[in-house]
PDB file of N, CA and C in Angstrom:
ATOM      1  N   MET A   1       0.996  -1.149   0.040  1.00  0.00           N
ATOM      2  CA  MET A   1      -0.045   0.006  -0.082  1.00  0.00           C
ATOM      3  C   MET A   1       0.894   1.068  -0.023  1.00  0.00           C
ATOM      4  N   TYR A   2       1.836   1.522   1.018  1.00  0.00           N
ATOM      5  CA  TYR A   2       2.473   2.654   0.771  1.00  0.00           C
ATOM      6  C   TYR A   2       3.594   2.925  -0.453  1.00  0.00           C
ATOM      7  N   ARG A   3       3.727   1.478  -0.882  1.00  0.00           N
ATOM      8  CA  ARG A   3       4.320   1.513  -1.984  1.00  0.00           C
ATOM      9  C   ARG A   3       3.751   2.262  -3.179  1.00  0.00           C
ATOM     10  N   ARG A   4       2.346   1.764  -3.255  1.00  0.00           N
ATOM     11  CA  ARG A   4       1.819   2.513  -4.538  1.00  0.00           C
ATOM     12  C   ARG A   4       1.352   4.026  -4.150  1.00  0.00           C
ATOM     13  N   LEU A   5       1.049   4.487  -2.861  1.00  0.00           N
ATOM     14  CA  LEU A   5       1.063   5.721  -2.623  1.00  0.00           C
ATOM     15  C   LEU A   5       1.843   6.684  -2.427  1.00  0.00           C
ATOM     16  N   PHE A   6       3.244   6.127  -1.962  1.00  0.00           N
ATOM     17  CA  PHE A   6       4.139   7.138  -2.285  1.00  0.00           C
ATOM     18  C   PHE A   6       5.246   6.936  -3.214  1.00  0.00           C
ATOM     19  N   LYS A   7       5.033   6.094  -4.298  1.00  0.00           N
ATOM     20  CA  LYS A   7       5.905   5.988  -5.140  1.00  0.00           C
ATOM     21  C   LYS A   7       6.519   7.291  -5.822  1.00  0.00           C
ATOM     22  N   ASN A   8       7.668   7.363  -6.081  1.00  0.00           N
ATOM     23  CA  ASN A   8       8.506   8.482  -6.607  1.00  0.00           C
ATOM     24  C   ASN A   8       8.357   9.751  -5.580  1.00  0.00           C
ATOM     25  N   LYS A   9       7.858   9.757  -4.543  1.00  0.00           N
ATOM     26  CA  LYS A   9       7.883  10.889  -3.896  1.00  0.00           C
ATOM     27  C   LYS A   9       8.623  10.587  -2.656  1.00  0.00           C
ATOM     28  N   ARG A  10       9.205  12.278  -2.048  1.00  0.00           N
ATOM     29  CA  ARG A  10      10.027  12.012  -1.152  1.00  0.00           C
ATOM     30  C   ARG A  10       9.209  12.222   0.275  1.00  0.00           C
ATOM     31  N   VAL A  11       8.578  11.073   0.965  1.00  0.00           N
ATOM     32  CA  VAL A  11       7.691  11.279   2.057  1.00  0.00           C
ATOM     33  C   VAL A  11       8.423  10.842   3.334  1.00  0.00           C
ATOM     34  N   LYS A  12       8.154  11.737   4.297  1.00  0.00           N
ATOM     35  CA  LYS A  12       8.867  11.452   6.000  1.00  0.00           C
ATOM     36  C   LYS A  12       7.739  11.329   6.259  1.00  0.00           C
ATOM     37  N   ILE A  13       7.765  10.574   7.875  1.00  0.00           N
ATOM     38  CA  ILE A  13       6.714  10.194   8.314  1.00  0.00           C
ATOM     39  C   ILE A  13       7.256  10.379   9.834  1.00  0.00           C
ATOM     40  N   ILE A  14       6.880  11.355  10.807  1.00  0.00           N
ATOM     41  CA  ILE A  14       7.586  11.503  12.075  1.00  0.00           C
ATOM     42  C   ILE A  14       6.216  11.015  13.244  1.00  0.00           C
ATOM     43  N   LYS A  15       6.847  10.170  13.688  1.00  0.00           N
ATOM     44  CA  LYS A  15       6.369   9.013  14.867  1.00  0.00           C
ATOM     45  C   LYS A  15       6.115   9.486  16.414  1.00  0.00           C
ATOM     46  N   ARG A  16       5.513   9.653  16.896  1.00  0.00           N
ATOM     47  CA  ARG A  16       5.466   9.781  18.656  1.00  0.00           C
ATOM     48  C   ARG A  16       5.750   8.584  19.330  1.00  0.00           C
ATOM     49  N   HIS A  17       6.830   8.364  20.573  1.00  0.00           N
ATOM     50  CA  HIS A  17       6.871   7.021  21.381  1.00  0.00           C
ATOM     51  C   HIS A  17       7.321   6.038  20.445  1.00  0.00           C
ATOM     52  N   LEU A  18       6.832   5.626  19.486  1.00  0.00           N
ATOM     53  CA  LEU A  18       7.820   4.395  18.481  1.00  0.00           C
ATOM     54  C   LEU A  18       7.612   4.570  17.113  1.00  0.00           C
ATOM     55  N   PRO A  19       8.510   4.036  16.528  1.00  0.00           N
ATOM     56  CA  PRO A  19       8.578   4.014  14.727  1.00  0.00           C
ATOM     57  C   PRO A  19       7.399   2.959  14.497  1.00  0.00           C
ATOM     58  N   LEU A  20       7.409   3.058  13.397  1.00  0.00           N
ATOM     59  CA  LEU A  20       6.715   1.814  12.737  1.00  0.00           C
ATOM     60  C   LEU A  20       6.973   0.485  13.374  1.00  0.00           C
ATOM     61  N   VAL A  21       6.419  -0.511  13.644  1.00  0.00           N
ATOM     62  CA  VAL A  21       6.868  -1.742  14.013  1.00  0.00           C
ATOM     63  C   VAL A  21       7.588  -2.392  12.975  1.00  0.00           C
ATOM     64  N   GLY A  22       8.529  -3.371  13.103  1.00  0.00           N
ATOM     65  CA  GLY A  22       9.379  -3.738  11.772  1.00  0.00           C
ATOM     66  C   GLY A  22      10.089  -3.230  11.029  1.00  0.00           C
ATOM     67  N   TYR A  23      10.189  -1.633  11.278  1.00  0.00           N
ATOM     68  CA  TYR A  23      11.150  -0.735  10.380  1.00  0.00           C
ATOM     69  C   TYR A  23      11.951  -0.023  11.238  1.00  0.00           C
ATOM     70  N   ILE A  24      13.215   0.242  11.059  1.00  0.00           N
ATOM     71  CA  ILE A  24      14.295   0.825  11.722  1.00  0.00           C
ATOM     72  C   ILE A  24      13.990   2.525  11.371  1.00  0.00           C
ATOM     73  N   PRO A  25      13.985   3.073  12.330  1.00  0.00           N
ATOM     74  CA  PRO A  25      13.978   4.561  11.811  1.00  0.00           C
ATOM     75  C   PRO A  25      14.969   5.180  11.132  1.00  0.00           C
ATOM     76  N   ALA A  26      15.080   5.985  10.135  1.00  0.00           N
ATOM     77  CA  ALA A  26      16.133   7.002   9.549  1.00  0.00           C
ATOM     78  C   ALA A  26      16.671   7.726  10.740  1.00  0.00           C
ATOM     79  N   ASP A  27      16.304   8.122  11.711  1.00  0.00           N
ATOM     80  CA  ASP A  27      16.665   9.026  12.949  1.00  0.00           C
ATOM     81  C   ASP A  27      16.091   9.263  14.015  1.00  0.00           C
ATOM     82  N   ALA A  28      16.291   9.592  15.249  1.00  0.00           N
ATOM     83  CA  ALA A  28      15.502   9.527  16.183  1.00  0.00           C
ATOM     84  C   ALA A  28      15.861  10.427  17.365  1.00  0.00           C
ATOM     85  N   GLN A  29      15.014  11.395  18.245  1.00  0.00           N
ATOM     86  CA  GLN A  29      15.098  12.180  18.976  1.00  0.00           C
ATOM     87  C   GLN A  29      14.954  11.703  19.893  1.00  0.00           C
ATOM     88  N   ARG A  30      15.771  11.490  21.335  1.00  0.00           N
ATOM     89  CA  ARG A  30      15.080  10.837  22.811  1.00  0.00           C
ATOM     90  C   ARG A  30      15.581  11.821  23.505  1.00  0.00           C
ATOM     91  N   SER A  31      14.993  13.130  23.539  1.00  0.00           N
ATOM     92  CA  SER A  31      15.153  14.197  24.427  1.00  0.00           C
ATOM     93  C   SER A  31      14.961  13.861  26.004  1.00  0.00           C
ATOM     94  N   LYS A  32      13.881  13.549  26.461  1.00  0.00           N
ATOM     95  CA  LYS A  32      13.335  13.130  27.569  1.00  0.00           C
ATOM     96  C   LYS A  32      11.774  12.110  27.356  1.00  0.00           C
ATOM     97  N   ILE A  33      11.719  11.309  28.194  1.00  0.00           N
ATOM     98  CA  ILE A  33      10.352  10.677  28.470  1.00  0.00           C
ATOM     99  C   ILE A  33       9.311  10.691  27.638  1.00  0.00           C
ATOM    100  N   GLY A  34       8.772  12.163  27.762  1.00  0.00           N
ATOM    101  CA  GLY A  34       7.489  12.387  27.174  1.00  0.00           C
ATOM    102  C   GLY A  34       7.694  12.410  25.474  1.00  0.00           C
ATOM    103  N   SER A  35       9.153  13.080  24.946  1.00  0.00           N
ATOM    104  CA  SER A  35       9.059  13.503  23.638  1.00  0.00           C
ATOM    105  C   SER A  35      10.193  12.606  22.801  1.00  0.00           C
ATOM    106  N   TRP A  36       9.945  11.367  22.793  1.00  0.00           N
ATOM    107  CA  TRP A  36      10.579  10.681  21.710  1.00  0.00           C
ATOM    108  C   TRP A  36       9.986  10.627  20.501  1.00  0.00           C
ATOM    109  N   PHE A  37      10.732  11.165  19.521  1.00  0.00           N
ATOM    110  CA  PHE A  37      10.325  11.080  18.014  1.00  0.00           C
ATOM    111  C   PHE A  37      11.090  10.194  17.014  1.00  0.00           C
ATOM    112  N   PHE A  38      10.446   9.770  15.881  1.00  0.00           N
ATOM    113  CA  PHE A  38      10.906   8.812  15.307  1.00  0.00           C
ATOM    114  C   PHE A  38      10.854   9.391  13.758  1.00  0.00           C
ATOM    115  N   LEU A  39      12.126   9.292  13.076  1.00  0.00           N
ATOM    116  CA  LEU A  39      11.547   9.607  11.492  1.00  0.00           C
ATOM    117  C   LEU A  39      11.685   8.720  10.609  1.00  0.00           C
ATOM    118  N   MET A  40      10.494   8.453   9.707  1.00  0.00           N
ATOM    119  CA  MET A  40      10.701   7.335   8.921  1.00  0.00           C
ATOM    120  C   MET A  40      10.553   7.872   7.271  1.00  0.00           C
ATOM    121  N   LYS A  41      11.465   7.410   6.809  1.00  0.00           N
ATOM    122  CA  LYS A  41      11.345   7.933   5.235  1.00  0.00           C
ATOM    123  C   LYS A  41      11.396   6.820   4.214  1.00  0.00           C
ATOM    124  N   ASN A  42      10.646   7.517   3.006  1.00  0.00           N
ATOM    125  CA  ASN A  42      10.199   6.608   2.093  1.00  0.00           C
ATOM    126  C   ASN A  42      11.568   6.159   1.258  1.00  0.00           C
ATOM    127  N   PRO A  43      11.786   5.202   0.606  1.00  0.00           N
ATOM    128  CA  PRO A  43      10.985   4.100   0.525  1.00  0.00           C
ATOM    129  C   PRO A  43      11.141   2.986   1.793  1.00  0.00           C
ATOM    130  N   LEU A  44      10.132   2.495   2.611  1.00  0.00           N
ATOM    131  CA  LEU A  44      10.107   2.089   3.775  1.00  0.00           C
ATOM    132  C   LEU A  44      11.024   0.786   3.368  1.00  0.00           C
ATOM    133  N   GLY A  45      10.942  -0.305   2.549  1.00  0.00           N
ATOM    134  CA  GLY A  45      11.616  -1.323   2.578  1.00  0.00           C
ATOM    135  C   GLY A  45      13.147  -1.322   2.825  1.00  0.00           C
ATOM    136  N   ARG A  46      13.891  -0.143   2.656  1.00  0.00           N
ATOM    137  CA  ARG A  46      15.173  -0.216   2.904  1.00  0.00           C
ATOM    138  C   ARG A  46      15.395  -0.035   4.767  1.00  0.00           C
ATOM    139  N   TYR A  47      14.242   0.286   5.033  1.00  0.00           N
ATOM    140  CA  TYR A  47      14.614  -0.022   6.821  1.00  0.00           C
ATOM    141  C   TYR A  47      13.964  -0.988   7.316  1.00  0.00           C
ATOM    142  N   ARG A  48      13.572  -1.803   6.565  1.00  0.00           N
ATOM    143  CA  ARG A  48      12.602  -3.215   6.922  1.00  0.00           C
ATOM    144  C   ARG A  48      13.659  -4.146   7.982  1.00  0.00           C
ATOM    145  N   THR A  49      13.107  -4.425   9.053  1.00  0.00           N
ATOM    146  CA  THR A  49      13.923  -5.709   9.776  1.00  0.00           C
ATOM    147  C   THR A  49      12.701  -6.706  10.174  1.00  0.00           C
ATOM    148  N   TYR A  50      13.120  -7.817  10.394  1.00  0.00           N
ATOM    149  CA  TYR A  50      12.351  -8.791  10.899  1.00  0.00           C
ATOM    150  C   TYR A  50      12.904  -9.732  12.279  1.00  0.00           C
ATOM    151  N   SER A  51      13.803  -8.425  12.485  1.00  0.00           N
ATOM    152  CA  SER A  51      14.400  -9.135  14.252  1.00  0.00           C
ATOM    153  C   SER A  51      14.107  -8.193  15.247  1.00  0.00           C
ATOM    154  N   LYS A  52      13.373  -9.102  16.106  1.00  0.00           N
ATOM    155  CA  LYS A  52      12.563  -8.206  17.335  1.00  0.00           C
ATOM    156  C   LYS A  52      13.378  -7.723  17.903  1.00  0.00           C
ATOM    157  N   SER A  53      14.800  -7.880  18.445  1.00  0.00           N
ATOM    158  CA  SER A  53      15.657  -7.936  19.040  1.00  0.00           C
ATOM    159  C   SER A  53      16.208  -6.543  18.578  1.00  0.00           C
ATOM    160  N   ASP A  54      16.575  -6.667  17.313  1.00  0.00           N
ATOM    161  CA  ASP A  54      17.286  -5.745  16.636  1.00  0.00           C
ATOM    162  C   ASP A  54      16.152  -4.259  16.635  1.00  0.00           C
ATOM    163  N   TRP A  55      15.070  -4.343  16.240  1.00  0.00           N
ATOM    164  CA  TRP A  55      14.202  -3.401  16.276  1.00  0.00           C
ATOM    165  C   TRP A  55      13.783  -2.521  17.870  1.00  0.00           C
ATOM    166  N   ILE A  56      13.717  -3.833  19.060  1.00  0.00           N
ATOM    167  CA  ILE A  56      14.079  -3.192  20.164  1.00  0.00           C
ATOM    168  C   ILE A  56      15.099  -2.168  20.735  1.00  0.00           C
ATOM    169  N   CYS A  57      16.044  -3.095  20.288  1.00  0.00           N
ATOM    170  CA  CYS A  57      17.386  -2.490  20.763  1.00  0.00           C
ATOM    171  C   CYS A  57      17.781  -0.845  20.292  1.00  0.00           C
ATOM    172  N   ASN A  58      16.928  -0.838  18.597  1.00  0.00           N
ATOM    173  CA  ASN A  58      17.298   0.368  18.103  1.00  0.00           C
ATOM    174  C   ASN A  58      16.115   1.450  18.555  1.00  0.00           C
ATOM    175  N   VAL A  59      14.984   0.971  19.250  1.00  0.00           N
ATOM    176  CA  VAL A  59      13.844   1.723  19.804  1.00  0.00           C
ATOM    177  C   VAL A  59      14.555   2.528  21.164  1.00  0.00           C
ATOM    178  N   LEU A  60      15.134   1.737  21.899  1.00  0.00           N
ATOM    179  CA  LEU A  60      15.641   1.902  23.310  1.00  0.00           C
ATOM    180  C   LEU A  60      17.032   2.646  23.071  1.00  0.00           C
ATOM    181  N   ASN A  61      17.683   2.598  21.847  1.00  0.00           N
ATOM    182  CA  ASN A  61      19.002   2.997  21.861  1.00  0.00           C
ATOM    183  C   ASN A  61      19.951   2.094  22.898  1.00  0.00           C
ATOM    184  N   GLN A  62      19.746   1.143  22.779  1.00  0.00           N
ATOM    185  CA  GLN A  62      20.704   0.017  23.612  1.00  0.00           C
ATOM    186  C   GLN A  62      21.195  -1.100  22.863  1.00  0.00           C
ATOM    187  N   LYS A  63      22.416  -1.357  23.284  1.00  0.00           N
ATOM    188  CA  LYS A  63      22.922  -2.884  22.684  1.00  0.00           C
ATOM    189  C   LYS A  63      21.923  -3.921  22.835  1.00  0.00           C
ATOM    190  N   ASN A  64      21.810  -4.181  24.143  1.00  0.00           N
ATOM    191  CA  ASN A  64      21.509  -5.423  24.534  1.00  0.00           C
ATOM    192  C   ASN A  64      20.137  -5.440  25.279  1.00  0.00           C
ATOM    193  N   ALA A  65      19.076  -4.635  24.965  1.00  0.00           N
ATOM    194  CA  ALA A  65      17.943  -4.339  25.686  1.00  0.00           C
ATOM    195  C   ALA A  65      16.895  -5.593  25.596  1.00  0.00           C
ATOM    196  N   SER A  66      16.125  -6.074  26.340  1.00  0.00           N
ATOM    197  CA  SER A  66      15.138  -7.484  26.513  1.00  0.00           C
ATOM    198  C   SER A  66      13.650  -6.457  26.146  1.00  0.00           C
ATOM    199  N   THR A  67      13.103  -7.755  25.834  1.00  0.00           N
ATOM    200  CA  THR A  67      11.576  -7.392  25.697  1.00  0.00           C
ATOM    201  C   THR A  67      11.262  -6.956  26.738  1.00  0.00           C
ATOM    202  N   ARG A  68      11.259  -7.621  27.984  1.00  0.00           N
ATOM    203  CA  ARG A  68      10.446  -7.309  28.922  1.00  0.00           C
ATOM    204  C   ARG A  68      11.160  -5.743  29.755  1.00  0.00           C
ATOM    205  N   GLN A  69      12.011  -5.113  29.496  1.00  0.00           N
ATOM    206  CA  GLN A  69      12.794  -3.934  29.604  1.00  0.00           C
ATOM    207  C   GLN A  69      11.822  -3.057  28.554  1.00  0.00           C
ATOM    208  N   PHE A  70      11.938  -3.314  27.365  1.00  0.00           N
ATOM    209  CA  PHE A  70      11.231  -2.321  26.234  1.00  0.00           C
ATOM    210  C   PHE A  70       9.815  -2.268  26.603  1.00  0.00           C
ATOM    211  N   TYR A  71       8.747  -3.758  27.044  1.00  0.00           N
ATOM    212  CA  TYR A  71       7.648  -3.066  27.530  1.00  0.00           C
ATOM    213  C   TYR A  71       7.319  -2.380  28.607  1.00  0.00           C
ATOM    214  N   LYS A  72       8.350  -2.494  29.735  1.00  0.00           N
ATOM    215  CA  LYS A  72       8.080  -1.497  30.940  1.00  0.00           C
ATOM    216  C   LYS A  72       8.478   0.062  30.687  1.00  0.00           C
ATOM    217  N   ASP A  73       9.541  -0.027  29.774  1.00  0.00           N
ATOM    218  CA  ASP A  73      10.055   1.325  29.295  1.00  0.00           C
ATOM    219  C   ASP A  73       8.645   2.127  28.336  1.00  0.00           C
ATOM    220  N   TYR A  74       8.360   1.114  27.542  1.00  0.00           N
ATOM    221  CA  TYR A  74       6.888   1.833  26.678  1.00  0.00           C
ATOM    222  C   TYR A  74       5.906   2.339  27.772  1.00  0.00           C
ATOM    223  N   GLU A  75       5.461   1.587  28.589  1.00  0.00           N
ATOM    224  CA  GLU A  75       4.537   1.583  29.588  1.00  0.00           C
ATOM    225  C   GLU A  75       4.653   3.151  30.500  1.00  0.00           C
ATOM    226  N   GLU A  76       6.017   2.993  30.835  1.00  0.00           N
ATOM    227  CA  GLU A  76       6.301   4.296  31.345  1.00  0.00           C
ATOM    228  C   GLU A  76       6.132   5.369  30.753  1.00  0.00           C
ATOM    229  N   ARG A  77       6.486   5.672  29.516  1.00  0.00           N
ATOM    230  CA  ARG A  77       6.293   6.859  28.166  1.00  0.00           C
ATOM    231  C   ARG A  77       4.756   6.611  28.193  1.00  0.00           C
ATOM    232  N   LEU A  78       3.922   5.815  28.282  1.00  0.00           N
ATOM    233  CA  LEU A  78       2.554   6.059  27.859  1.00  0.00           C
ATOM    234  C   LEU A  78       1.484   6.606  29.288  1.00  0.00           C
ATOM    235  N   ARG A  79       2.279   6.323  30.300  1.00  0.00           N
ATOM    236  CA  ARG A  79       1.938   6.989  31.730  1.00  0.00           C
ATOM    237  C   ARG A  79       1.316   7.820  31.751  1.00  0.00           C
ATOM    238  N   PRO A  80       1.975   8.936  31.254  1.00  0.00           N
ATOM    239  CA  PRO A  80       1.293  10.941  31.746  1.00  0.00           C
ATOM    240  C   PRO A  80       0.188  10.775  30.468  1.00  0.00           C
ATOM    241  N   PHE A  81       0.087  10.353  29.537  1.00  0.00           N
ATOM    242  CA  PHE A  81      -0.752  10.320  28.202  1.00  0.00           C
ATOM    243  C   PHE A  81      -2.005   9.347  28.424  1.00  0.00           C
ATOM    244  N   VAL A  82      -1.949   8.017  28.827  1.00  0.00           N
ATOM    245  CA  VAL A  82      -2.943   7.319  28.824  1.00  0.00           C
ATOM    246  C   VAL A  82      -3.219   6.394  30.001  1.00  0.00           C
ATOM    247  N   ASP A  83      -4.529   6.237  30.454  1.00  0.00           N
ATOM    248  CA  ASP A  83      -4.746   5.705  31.871  1.00  0.00           C
ATOM    249  C   ASP A  83      -4.489   4.162  31.825  1.00  0.00           C
ATOM    250  N   ALA A  84      -4.754   3.495  33.580  1.00  0.00           N
ATOM    251  CA  ALA A  84      -4.051   2.393  32.966  1.00  0.00           C
ATOM    252  C   ALA A  84      -4.667   1.269  32.375  1.00  0.00           C
ATOM    253  N   LYS A  85      -6.065   1.443  32.286  1.00  0.00           N
ATOM    254  CA  LYS A  85      -6.660   0.549  30.928  1.00  0.00           C
ATOM    255  C   LYS A  85      -6.365   0.816  29.481  1.00  0.00           C
ATOM    256  N   GLY A  86      -6.106   1.836  29.478  1.00  0.00           N
ATOM    257  CA  GLY A  86      -5.845   2.273  28.035  1.00  0.00           C
ATOM    258  C   GLY A  86      -4.473   1.878  27.934  1.00  0.00           C
ATOM    259  N   ARG A  87      -3.227   1.839  28.654  1.00  0.00           N
ATOM    260  CA  ARG A  87      -1.926   1.794  28.429  1.00  0.00           C
ATOM    261  C   ARG A  87      -2.450  -0.052  28.227  1.00  0.00           C
ATOM    262  N   LYS A  88      -2.730  -0.690  29.173  1.00  0.00           N
ATOM    263  CA  LYS A  88      -3.068  -2.124  28.867  1.00  0.00           C
ATOM    264  C   LYS A  88      -3.248  -2.805  27.586  1.00  0.00           C
ATOM    265  N   GLU A  89      -4.469  -2.169  26.961  1.00  0.00           N
ATOM    266  CA  GLU A  89      -4.978  -2.407  25.876  1.00  0.00           C
ATOM    267  C   GLU A  89      -3.810  -1.975  24.733  1.00  0.00           C
ATOM    268  N   THR A  90      -3.051  -0.827  24.841  1.00  0.00           N
ATOM    269  CA  THR A  90      -2.231  -0.354  23.738  1.00  0.00           C
ATOM    270  C   THR A  90      -1.170  -1.627  23.899  1.00  0.00           C
ATOM    271  N   ILE A  91      -0.293  -1.752  24.947  1.00  0.00           N
ATOM    272  CA  ILE A  91       0.636  -2.796  25.255  1.00  0.00           C
ATOM    273  C   ILE A  91      -0.009  -4.224  24.602  1.00  0.00           C
ATOM    274  N   ARG A  92      -1.411  -4.581  24.672  1.00  0.00           N
ATOM    275  CA  ARG A  92      -1.866  -5.596  24.070  1.00  0.00           C
ATOM    276  C   ARG A  92      -1.954  -5.479  22.531  1.00  0.00           C
ATOM    277  N   SER A  93      -1.967  -4.652  22.252  1.00  0.00           N
ATOM    278  CA  SER A  93      -2.152  -4.509  20.671  1.00  0.00           C
ATOM    279  C   SER A  93      -0.858  -4.289  20.031  1.00  0.00           C
ATOM    280  N   LEU A  94       0.216  -3.641  20.844  1.00  0.00           N
ATOM    281  CA  LEU A  94       1.695  -3.636  20.307  1.00  0.00           C
ATOM    282  C   LEU A  94       2.227  -4.906  20.310  1.00  0.00           C
ATOM    283  N   ARG A  95       1.789  -5.864  21.395  1.00  0.00           N
ATOM    284  CA  ARG A  95       2.429  -7.212  21.376  1.00  0.00           C
ATOM    285  C   ARG A  95       1.532  -8.078  20.188  1.00  0.00           C
ATOM    286  N   LYS A  96       0.474  -7.841  19.305  1.00  0.00           N
ATOM    287  CA  LYS A  96       0.361  -8.329  18.474  1.00  0.00           C
ATOM    288  C   LYS A  96       0.915  -7.852  17.477  1.00  0.00           C
ATOM    289  N   LEU A  97       0.958  -6.646  17.121  1.00  0.00           N
ATOM    290  CA  LEU A  97       1.805  -5.994  16.170  1.00  0.00           C
ATOM    291  C   LEU A  97       3.214  -6.839  15.915  1.00  0.00           C
ATOM    292  N   ILE A  98       3.477  -6.701  17.348  1.00  0.00           N
ATOM    293  CA  ILE A  98       5.446  -7.172  17.089  1.00  0.00           C
ATOM    294  C   ILE A  98       5.219  -8.393  16.888  1.00  0.00           C
ATOM    295  N   ARG A  99       4.286  -9.710  17.225  1.00  0.00           N
ATOM    296  CA  ARG A  99       4.341 -10.853  16.930  1.00  0.00           C
ATOM    297  C   ARG A  99       3.990 -11.074  15.332  1.00  0.00           C
ATOM    298  N   LYS A 100       3.307 -10.432  14.803  1.00  0.00           N
ATOM    299  CA  LYS A 100       2.794 -10.132  13.276  1.00  0.00           C
ATOM    300  C   LYS A 100       4.089  -9.578  12.478  1.00  0.00           C
ATOM    301  N   TYR A 101       4.695  -8.734  13.088  1.00  0.00           N
ATOM    302  CA  TYR A 101       5.825  -8.318  11.771  1.00  0.00           C
ATOM    303  C   TYR A 101       7.117  -8.269  12.120  1.00  0.00           C
ATOM    304  N   LEU A 102       7.480  -9.019  13.623  1.00  0.00           N
ATOM    305  CA  LEU A 102       8.649  -9.143  13.742  1.00  0.00           C
ATOM    306  C   LEU A 102       8.649 -10.595  13.935  1.00  0.00           C
ATOM    307  N   PRO A 103       8.659 -11.606  13.269  1.00  0.00           N
ATOM    308  CA  PRO A 103       8.682 -13.000  13.696  1.00  0.00           C
ATOM    309  C   PRO A 103      10.111 -13.929  14.249  1.00  0.00           C
ATOM    310  N   ASN A 104      11.066 -13.049  13.694  1.00  0.00           N
ATOM    311  CA  ASN A 104      12.492 -13.483  14.295  1.00  0.00           C
ATOM    312  C   ASN A 104      12.582 -13.326  15.569  1.00  0.00           C
ATOM    313  N   ASP A 105      13.409 -14.036  16.476  1.00  0.00           N
ATOM    314  CA  ASP A 105      13.974 -13.565  17.468  1.00  0.00           C
ATOM    315  C   ASP A 105      12.845 -14.423  18.960  1.00  0.00           C
TER     316      ASP A 105
END
């Protein structure tokens, strides 16, 4: 879908909190807990990864980040913006996306 919509266009997508699941961001701004931004560039295919550990390490900007550490960190970043029930639902949806788009590891 993205390929057809953005063909021959220089598109940049800025995502807050997390990059697109399964894609390594072209750049990231991690100044403080509430303002993490990830820059995604077209074509997305060049940034695709199938490794859950590579994606998680890149998101957290750490070499050996664990999945547990990732979910804990993400929940903490959501805390100021989303209530407890919403965080639980968001984490559940994220787990499904990660299982679907990051099958390795």
